[in-house]
Amino acid sequence: MDKEKKIEEKEKCEGGCKWKCPHMGKRVKTAVILAAVLIIGALAYFSRGFFVAATVDGFPIGRLSVMQETEKQSGKTTLENLILKRIILNETKKKGITVSNEEVAAEMTKIETMVTAQGGTLEQALTAQGITKTDLMEQIILQKKVEKLLPSKPVVTDNDVKAYITANKISVPSGKEVEYLTQTKAQMEQQKLQESIQNLVASLKEKAKVRYFINY
């Protein structure tokens, strides 16, 4: 009898009921609710950057507000750039055009050399432009891909450069003729290249099926 009584007492809860009782169920529910509140609070704290961009004297400025304001100011330009980027990527993928790591590294070195020659560093130049090295590499890849879409690279001859210098009445210092010729030629080639790219991209956009769902 004493043994059975001890077993029965162990099965009772603090409220005097058997262990499968309403009191036990309430404690379990309370524990679950507390755990859920703690988890939600932790998620809200660690993911606050996803919803809140900044606070001013405790007042939050939501990321949605930032995105809406950005859309008002530059939504049209940003959307057009994204459309053109997608058109280029679709076309290069269709034609199997790729850019190697070596090509990107060579272009990065060229850019860094130019920036260093002007007395700065690549990091400073990137910070001034508000972009990262990864952003620059992505821009290089896109530029190289679109260049490979061109049927031929624009050519600028020495006579073209001399005619340009004469037509624009550019004064070339004595002894600097070769240097000026080389620099001007590079600038003219780059200008012609960009013009060819713009014409190509405009042609591709005319052929692409672009549907707008938002008008800025």
Protein backbone atom coordinates (compact mmCIF):
# COMPACT_ATOMS: atom_id res chain seq x y z
CA MET A 1 0.00 0.00 0.00
CA ASP A 2 2.82 2.40 0.95
CA LYS A 3 4.55 1.65 -2.35
CA GLU A 4 1.42 2.39 -4.38
CA LYS A 5 0.87 5.66 -2.46
CA LYS A 6 4.41 6.88 -3.24
CA ILE A 7 3.95 6.17 -6.97
CA GLU A 8 0.65 8.07 -6.95
CA GLU A 9 2.26 11.08 -5.20
CA LYS A 10 5.02 11.22 -7.85
CA GLU A 11 2.40 11.33 -10.58
CA LYS A 12 0.75 14.35 -9.02
CA CYS A 13 1.66 17.92 -10.09
CA GLU A 14 2.04 20.98 -7.91
CA GLY A 15 -1.69 21.64 -8.24
CA GLY A 16 -2.47 18.25 -6.80
CA CYS A 17 -3.49 16.65 -10.11
CA LYS A 18 -2.16 13.77 -12.08
CA TRP A 19 0.80 14.69 -14.41
CA LYS A 20 -1.47 14.77 -17.46
CA CYS A 21 -3.54 17.64 -16.10
CA PRO A 22 -4.68 21.20 -17.08
CA HIS A 23 -2.00 22.78 -14.90
CA MET A 24 0.76 20.96 -16.78
CA GLY A 25 -0.78 21.95 -20.14
CA LYS A 26 -0.85 25.62 -19.15
CA ARG A 27 2.82 25.54 -18.18
CA VAL A 28 3.74 23.96 -21.54
CA LYS A 29 1.71 26.54 -23.47
CA THR A 30 3.30 29.38 -21.49
CA ALA A 31 6.79 28.01 -22.20
CA VAL A 32 6.03 27.71 -25.94
CA ILE A 33 4.67 31.29 -26.09
CA LEU A 34 7.72 32.67 -24.26
CA ALA A 35 10.06 30.79 -26.59
CA ALA A 36 8.19 32.12 -29.64
CA VAL A 37 8.39 35.70 -28.31
CA LEU A 38 12.13 35.34 -27.70
CA ILE A 39 12.71 33.93 -31.20
CA ILE A 40 10.65 36.68 -32.85
CA GLY A 41 12.51 39.31 -30.83
CA ALA A 42 15.87 37.87 -31.80
CA LEU A 43 14.91 37.75 -35.48
CA ALA A 44 13.64 41.33 -35.36
CA TYR A 45 16.91 42.49 -33.78
CA PHE A 46 19.27 40.70 -36.14
CA SER A 47 17.21 41.48 -39.26
CA ARG A 48 16.47 45.11 -38.41
CA GLY A 49 18.74 46.22 -41.27
CA PHE A 50 16.37 44.55 -43.71
CA PHE A 51 13.51 46.80 -42.66
CA VAL A 52 15.06 49.90 -41.08
CA ALA A 53 17.66 51.97 -42.93
CA ALA A 54 18.39 54.39 -40.07
CA THR A 55 16.92 55.98 -36.97
CA VAL A 56 16.74 59.66 -36.04
CA ASP A 57 16.31 60.26 -32.32
CA GLY A 58 14.78 56.81 -32.12
CA PHE A 59 12.40 57.41 -35.03
CA PRO A 60 12.96 54.74 -37.74
CA ILE A 61 13.40 55.45 -41.43
CA GLY A 62 12.33 52.33 -43.30
CA ARG A 63 14.15 50.84 -46.26
CA LEU A 64 10.89 50.95 -48.18
CA SER A 65 10.85 54.75 -47.84
CA VAL A 66 14.42 54.91 -49.16
CA MET A 67 13.55 52.71 -52.13
CA GLN A 68 10.43 54.74 -52.93
CA GLU A 69 12.39 58.01 -52.84
CA THR A 70 15.16 56.50 -54.97
CA GLU A 71 12.60 55.37 -57.53
CA LYS A 72 11.19 58.89 -57.74
CA GLN A 73 14.62 60.42 -58.35
CA SER A 74 16.32 57.88 -60.61
CA GLY A 75 13.88 55.04 -61.19
CA LYS A 76 13.65 55.56 -64.97
CA THR A 77 17.43 55.70 -65.48
CA THR A 78 18.04 52.69 -63.23
CA LEU A 79 15.35 50.64 -64.97
CA GLU A 80 16.71 51.49 -68.43
CA ASN A 81 20.24 50.50 -67.36
CA LEU A 82 18.98 47.18 -66.02
CA ILE A 83 17.03 46.55 -69.23
CA LEU A 84 20.09 47.24 -71.39
CA LYS A 85 22.24 45.05 -69.15
CA ARG A 86 19.79 42.16 -69.48
CA ILE A 87 19.62 42.63 -73.28
CA ILE A 88 23.42 42.45 -73.49
CA LEU A 89 23.65 39.39 -71.23
CA ASN A 90 20.92 37.59 -73.19
CA GLU A 91 22.68 38.30 -76.50
CA THR A 92 26.14 37.29 -75.28
CA LYS A 93 24.75 34.11 -73.74
CA LYS A 94 23.00 33.28 -77.02
CA LYS A 95 26.29 33.69 -78.89
CA GLY A 96 28.38 31.91 -76.26
CA ILE A 97 30.50 34.99 -75.49
CA THR A 98 32.49 34.83 -72.26
CA VAL A 99 35.19 36.87 -70.55
CA SER A 100 38.14 35.13 -68.91
CA ASN A 101 39.64 35.94 -65.52
CA GLU A 102 42.86 36.89 -67.30
CA GLU A 103 41.04 39.53 -69.37
CA VAL A 104 39.47 41.04 -66.26
CA ALA A 105 42.79 41.02 -64.38
CA ALA A 106 44.55 42.73 -67.32
CA GLU A 107 41.92 45.47 -67.44
CA MET A 108 42.07 45.94 -63.67
CA THR A 109 45.85 46.36 -63.89
CA LYS A 110 45.46 48.89 -66.70
CA ILE A 111 42.96 50.94 -64.68
CA GLU A 112 45.11 50.79 -61.55
CA THR A 113 48.15 51.94 -63.54
CA MET A 114 46.23 54.92 -64.92
CA VAL A 115 44.95 55.91 -61.47
CA THR A 116 48.43 55.57 -59.93
CA ALA A 117 49.92 57.73 -62.67
CA GLN A 118 47.50 60.48 -61.61
CA GLY A 119 48.75 60.30 -58.02
CA GLY A 120 45.93 58.28 -56.50
CA THR A 121 45.09 54.70 -55.62
CA LEU A 122 42.48 52.34 -56.97
CA GLU A 123 40.81 52.15 -53.55
CA GLN A 124 40.50 55.95 -53.40
CA ALA A 125 39.06 56.08 -56.91
CA LEU A 126 36.52 53.37 -56.11
CA THR A 127 35.47 55.13 -52.90
CA ALA A 128 35.02 58.41 -54.79
CA GLN A 129 32.77 56.62 -57.30
CA GLY A 130 30.85 54.87 -54.53
CA ILE A 131 31.56 51.39 -55.88
CA THR A 132 33.50 48.32 -54.75
CA LYS A 133 36.18 46.32 -56.53
CA THR A 134 33.55 43.64 -57.21
CA ASP A 135 31.32 46.27 -58.85
CA LEU A 136 34.23 47.38 -61.04
CA MET A 137 34.96 43.80 -62.09
CA GLU A 138 31.31 43.30 -63.05
CA GLN A 139 31.42 46.49 -65.14
CA ILE A 140 34.59 45.28 -66.87
CA ILE A 141 33.00 41.91 -67.68
CA LEU A 142 29.92 43.61 -69.14
CA GLN A 143 32.05 46.05 -71.15
CA LYS A 144 34.21 43.23 -72.54
CA LYS A 145 31.17 41.17 -73.45
CA VAL A 146 29.52 43.98 -75.37
CA GLU A 147 32.82 44.76 -77.13
CA LYS A 148 32.92 41.17 -78.36
CA LEU A 149 29.46 41.63 -79.83
CA LEU A 150 30.79 44.29 -82.20
CA PRO A 151 31.49 42.98 -85.71
CA SER A 152 34.80 44.86 -85.71
CA LYS A 153 36.70 47.22 -83.43
CA PRO A 154 36.80 50.87 -84.59
CA VAL A 155 40.15 51.89 -86.06
CA VAL A 156 41.75 55.33 -85.73
CA THR A 157 44.75 56.11 -87.96
CA ASP A 158 47.57 58.59 -87.31
CA ASN A 159 46.15 60.74 -90.11
CA ASP A 160 42.79 60.81 -88.30
CA VAL A 161 44.55 62.05 -85.17
CA LYS A 162 46.52 64.72 -87.00
CA ALA A 163 43.37 65.92 -88.76
CA TYR A 164 41.59 66.09 -85.38
CA ILE A 165 44.42 68.10 -83.81
CA THR A 166 44.44 70.50 -86.75
CA ALA A 167 40.65 70.87 -86.88
CA ASN A 168 40.44 71.61 -83.15
CA LYS A 169 43.52 73.88 -83.24
CA ILE A 170 45.19 71.92 -80.43
CA SER A 171 48.59 73.36 -79.50
CA VAL A 172 51.17 70.58 -79.18
CA PRO A 173 54.33 71.48 -77.21
CA SER A 174 57.60 70.99 -79.04
CA GLY A 175 59.11 67.58 -78.34
CA LYS A 176 55.74 66.20 -77.12
CA GLU A 177 54.37 65.33 -80.56
CA VAL A 178 54.56 61.54 -80.14
CA GLU A 179 53.09 61.66 -76.62
CA TYR A 180 50.19 63.86 -77.71
CA LEU A 181 49.60 61.73 -80.79
CA THR A 182 49.42 58.54 -78.67
CA GLN A 183 47.12 60.04 -76.03
CA THR A 184 44.78 61.63 -78.56
CA LYS A 185 44.64 58.44 -80.57
CA ALA A 186 43.66 56.42 -77.47
CA GLN A 187 40.94 58.94 -76.60
CA MET A 188 39.55 58.92 -80.13
CA GLU A 189 39.54 55.10 -80.23
CA GLN A 190 37.68 54.99 -76.92
CA GLN A 191 35.15 57.55 -78.14
CA LYS A 192 34.52 55.65 -81.37
CA LEU A 193 34.24 52.40 -79.42
CA GLN A 194 31.58 53.85 -77.12
CA GLU A 195 29.65 55.24 -80.10
CA SER A 196 29.71 51.81 -81.75
CA ILE A 197 28.55 50.16 -78.52
CA GLN A 198 25.69 52.65 -78.13
CA ASN A 199 24.54 52.01 -81.69
CA LEU A 200 24.75 48.25 -81.20
CA VAL A 201 22.83 48.27 -77.91
CA ALA A 202 20.16 50.56 -79.39
CA SER A 203 19.77 48.11 -82.28
CA LEU A 204 19.48 45.15 -79.90
CA LYS A 205 16.88 46.97 -77.81
CA GLU A 206 14.72 47.59 -80.88
CA LYS A 207 14.68 43.84 -81.55
CA ALA A 208 14.09 42.83 -77.92
CA LYS A 209 10.59 42.34 -76.48
CA VAL A 210 10.53 44.85 -73.63
CA ARG A 211 7.30 45.30 -71.66
CA TYR A 212 6.99 48.08 -69.09
CA PHE A 213 4.75 47.61 -66.06
CA ILE A 214 5.79 50.84 -64.32
CA ASN A 215 6.03 54.30 -65.88
CA TYR A 216 8.33 56.72 -64.09
